[in-house]
Amino acid sequence: MRDGRGYHLPQRTCVACGRKRAKHELLRLLTDGEGNVVVDPDHRGVGRGVYLCPEGDCLARVRECRLQKAFRCLLPSGAWNPHVLATEVLMGRDCLPERKAGVHRQE
């Protein structure tokens, strides 16, 4: 997929619905040091990431067993709470990165 200027846009697949979308349109999840699943809002966290559509359907449909397969590890009991994440996303909290496709920050 390319943006309007001809730059390549990375594609990722939602683990809940299997739909491919541009990376910047999806939520990226990763595990913290204790094995809990957390949102990576700027897509820069270290480690294996899992992508989900930000719609409530995908957040509610994803199961812990699919996350374990995608993360390639066993998650501790209670590491994944879709209701907390869905509430944050539906209430408009900033889980998606504030950047445009193809535009990268220089640090």
C-alpha atoms as a PDB file:
ATOM      1  CA  MET A   1       0.000   0.000   0.000  1.00  0.00           C
ATOM      2  CA  ARG A   2       1.281   3.466  -0.832  1.00  0.00           C
ATOM      3  CA  ASP A   3       0.254   6.890   0.378  1.00  0.00           C
ATOM      4  CA  GLY A   4      -0.483   9.818  -1.931  1.00  0.00           C
ATOM      5  CA  ARG A   5       3.200  10.678  -2.311  1.00  0.00           C
ATOM      6  CA  GLY A   6       4.241   7.187  -3.382  1.00  0.00           C
ATOM      7  CA  TYR A   7       5.752   6.125  -0.053  1.00  0.00           C
ATOM      8  CA  HIS A   8       5.229   2.562   1.149  1.00  0.00           C
ATOM      9  CA  LEU A   9       2.888   2.183   4.143  1.00  0.00           C
ATOM     10  CA  PRO A  10       3.579  -0.844   6.363  1.00  0.00           C
ATOM     11  CA  GLN A  11       0.661  -3.264   6.659  1.00  0.00           C
ATOM     12  CA  ARG A  12      -0.269  -5.238   9.779  1.00  0.00           C
ATOM     13  CA  THR A  13      -2.969  -7.799  10.488  1.00  0.00           C
ATOM     14  CA  CYS A  14      -5.518  -7.560  13.304  1.00  0.00           C
ATOM     15  CA  VAL A  15      -5.301 -10.668  15.525  1.00  0.00           C
ATOM     16  CA  ALA A  16      -9.060 -10.589  16.162  1.00  0.00           C
ATOM     17  CA  CYS A  17     -10.587 -10.217  12.686  1.00  0.00           C
ATOM     18  CA  GLY A  18      -7.620 -10.936  10.408  1.00  0.00           C
ATOM     19  CA  ARG A  19      -8.130  -7.759   8.389  1.00  0.00           C
ATOM     20  CA  LYS A  20      -5.018  -6.069   6.985  1.00  0.00           C
ATOM     21  CA  ARG A  21      -4.729  -2.328   7.532  1.00  0.00           C
ATOM     22  CA  ALA A  22      -2.058   0.335   7.550  1.00  0.00           C
ATOM     23  CA  LYS A  23       0.090   0.069  10.678  1.00  0.00           C
ATOM     24  CA  HIS A  24      -0.790   3.552  11.904  1.00  0.00           C
ATOM     25  CA  GLU A  25      -4.531   2.716  11.898  1.00  0.00           C
ATOM     26  CA  LEU A  26      -4.185  -0.130  14.405  1.00  0.00           C
ATOM     27  CA  LEU A  27      -3.591  -0.353  18.147  1.00  0.00           C
ATOM     28  CA  ARG A  28      -0.309  -2.008  19.084  1.00  0.00           C
ATOM     29  CA  LEU A  29      -0.240  -4.148  22.184  1.00  0.00           C
ATOM     30  CA  LEU A  30       2.814  -5.571  23.904  1.00  0.00           C
ATOM     31  CA  THR A  31       3.676  -7.193  27.194  1.00  0.00           C
ATOM     32  CA  ASP A  32       5.331  -5.290  30.005  1.00  0.00           C
ATOM     33  CA  GLY A  33       8.022  -6.764  32.235  1.00  0.00           C
ATOM     34  CA  GLU A  34       5.460  -8.626  34.368  1.00  0.00           C
ATOM     35  CA  GLY A  35       3.636 -10.188  31.415  1.00  0.00           C
ATOM     36  CA  ASN A  36       0.625  -7.836  31.427  1.00  0.00           C
ATOM     37  CA  VAL A  37      -0.744  -6.754  28.063  1.00  0.00           C
ATOM     38  CA  VAL A  38      -0.478  -2.970  27.616  1.00  0.00           C
ATOM     39  CA  VAL A  39      -1.106  -0.481  24.806  1.00  0.00           C
ATOM     40  CA  ASP A  40       1.934   0.914  22.986  1.00  0.00           C
ATOM     41  CA  PRO A  41       0.526   4.304  21.908  1.00  0.00           C
ATOM     42  CA  ASP A  42       3.486   5.482  19.824  1.00  0.00           C
ATOM     43  CA  HIS A  43       4.344   2.064  18.283  1.00  0.00           C
ATOM     44  CA  ARG A  44       7.924   2.276  19.572  1.00  0.00           C
ATOM     45  CA  GLY A  45       7.904  -0.180  22.461  1.00  0.00           C
ATOM     46  CA  VAL A  46      10.505  -2.910  22.671  1.00  0.00           C
ATOM     47  CA  GLY A  47       9.472  -6.485  22.012  1.00  0.00           C
ATOM     48  CA  ARG A  48       6.966  -8.427  19.990  1.00  0.00           C
ATOM     49  CA  GLY A  49       3.875  -6.398  19.202  1.00  0.00           C
ATOM     50  CA  VAL A  50       0.334  -7.505  18.442  1.00  0.00           C
ATOM     51  CA  TYR A  51      -2.039  -5.354  16.427  1.00  0.00           C
ATOM     52  CA  LEU A  52      -5.790  -4.834  16.889  1.00  0.00           C
ATOM     53  CA  CYS A  53      -8.379  -2.745  15.083  1.00  0.00           C
ATOM     54  CA  PRO A  54      -9.436   0.125  17.369  1.00  0.00           C
ATOM     55  CA  GLU A  55     -13.144  -0.685  16.887  1.00  0.00           C
ATOM     56  CA  GLY A  56     -14.992  -2.164  19.855  1.00  0.00           C
ATOM     57  CA  ASP A  57     -15.847  -5.397  18.002  1.00  0.00           C
ATOM     58  CA  CYS A  58     -12.237  -6.474  17.623  1.00  0.00           C
ATOM     59  CA  LEU A  59     -11.364  -5.441  21.165  1.00  0.00           C
ATOM     60  CA  ALA A  60     -14.217  -7.560  22.504  1.00  0.00           C
ATOM     61  CA  ARG A  61     -13.592 -10.531  20.166  1.00  0.00           C
ATOM     62  CA  VAL A  62      -9.903 -11.129  20.770  1.00  0.00           C
ATOM     63  CA  ARG A  63      -9.265 -13.996  23.133  1.00  0.00           C
ATOM     64  CA  GLU A  64      -6.342 -14.534  25.452  1.00  0.00           C
ATOM     65  CA  CYS A  65      -5.373 -17.727  23.604  1.00  0.00           C
ATOM     66  CA  ARG A  66      -4.945 -15.739  20.350  1.00  0.00           C
ATOM     67  CA  LEU A  67      -2.785 -13.196  22.151  1.00  0.00           C
ATOM     68  CA  GLN A  68      -0.634 -15.959  23.610  1.00  0.00           C
ATOM     69  CA  LYS A  69      -0.113 -17.417  20.161  1.00  0.00           C
ATOM     70  CA  ALA A  70       0.720 -13.995  18.680  1.00  0.00           C
ATOM     71  CA  PHE A  71       3.066 -13.075  21.546  1.00  0.00           C
ATOM     72  CA  ARG A  72       4.577 -16.586  21.482  1.00  0.00           C
ATOM     73  CA  CYS A  73       4.405 -16.872  25.256  1.00  0.00           C
ATOM     74  CA  LEU A  74       2.044 -17.855  28.053  1.00  0.00           C
ATOM     75  CA  LEU A  75       0.334 -14.897  29.667  1.00  0.00           C
ATOM     76  CA  PRO A  76      -0.248 -14.919  33.422  1.00  0.00           C
ATOM     77  CA  SER A  77      -3.818 -15.137  34.656  1.00  0.00           C
ATOM     78  CA  GLY A  78      -5.493 -11.716  34.387  1.00  0.00           C
ATOM     79  CA  ALA A  79      -2.851 -10.234  32.077  1.00  0.00           C
ATOM     80  CA  TRP A  80      -5.451  -9.338  29.444  1.00  0.00           C
ATOM     81  CA  ASN A  81      -8.518  -7.292  30.331  1.00  0.00           C
ATOM     82  CA  PRO A  82     -10.339  -6.265  27.124  1.00  0.00           C
ATOM     83  CA  HIS A  83     -12.958  -4.254  29.030  1.00  0.00           C
ATOM     84  CA  VAL A  84     -10.402  -1.772  30.377  1.00  0.00           C
ATOM     85  CA  LEU A  85      -8.803  -1.275  26.957  1.00  0.00           C
ATOM     86  CA  ALA A  86     -12.187  -1.005  25.199  1.00  0.00           C
ATOM     87  CA  THR A  87     -13.337   1.608  27.707  1.00  0.00           C
ATOM     88  CA  GLU A  88     -10.197   3.699  27.131  1.00  0.00           C
ATOM     89  CA  VAL A  89     -10.559   3.529  23.347  1.00  0.00           C
ATOM     90  CA  LEU A  90     -14.308   4.189  23.281  1.00  0.00           C
ATOM     91  CA  MET A  91     -13.972   7.148  25.649  1.00  0.00           C
ATOM     92  CA  GLY A  92     -11.489   8.732  23.274  1.00  0.00           C
ATOM     93  CA  ARG A  93      -8.291   8.306  25.256  1.00  0.00           C
ATOM     94  CA  ASP A  94      -5.156   8.666  23.213  1.00  0.00           C
ATOM     95  CA  CYS A  95      -4.242   5.084  22.352  1.00  0.00           C
ATOM     96  CA  LEU A  96      -3.515   5.779  18.702  1.00  0.00           C
ATOM     97  CA  PRO A  97      -0.313   7.570  17.816  1.00  0.00           C
ATOM     98  CA  GLU A  98      -0.510  11.227  16.889  1.00  0.00           C
ATOM     99  CA  ARG A  99       1.287  11.002  13.588  1.00  0.00           C
ATOM    100  CA  LYS A 100       0.433  10.824   9.947  1.00  0.00           C
ATOM    101  CA  ALA A 101       1.312   7.947   7.691  1.00  0.00           C
ATOM    102  CA  GLY A 102       4.799   8.249   6.312  1.00  0.00           C
ATOM    103  CA  VAL A 103       5.790  11.079   8.659  1.00  0.00           C
ATOM    104  CA  HIS A 104       8.379  10.190  11.278  1.00  0.00           C
ATOM    105  CA  ARG A 105       9.665  12.222  14.179  1.00  0.00           C
ATOM    106  CA  GLN A 106      13.325  13.009  14.320  1.00  0.00           C
ATOM    107  CA  GLU A 107      14.852  12.820  17.757  1.00  0.00           C
END
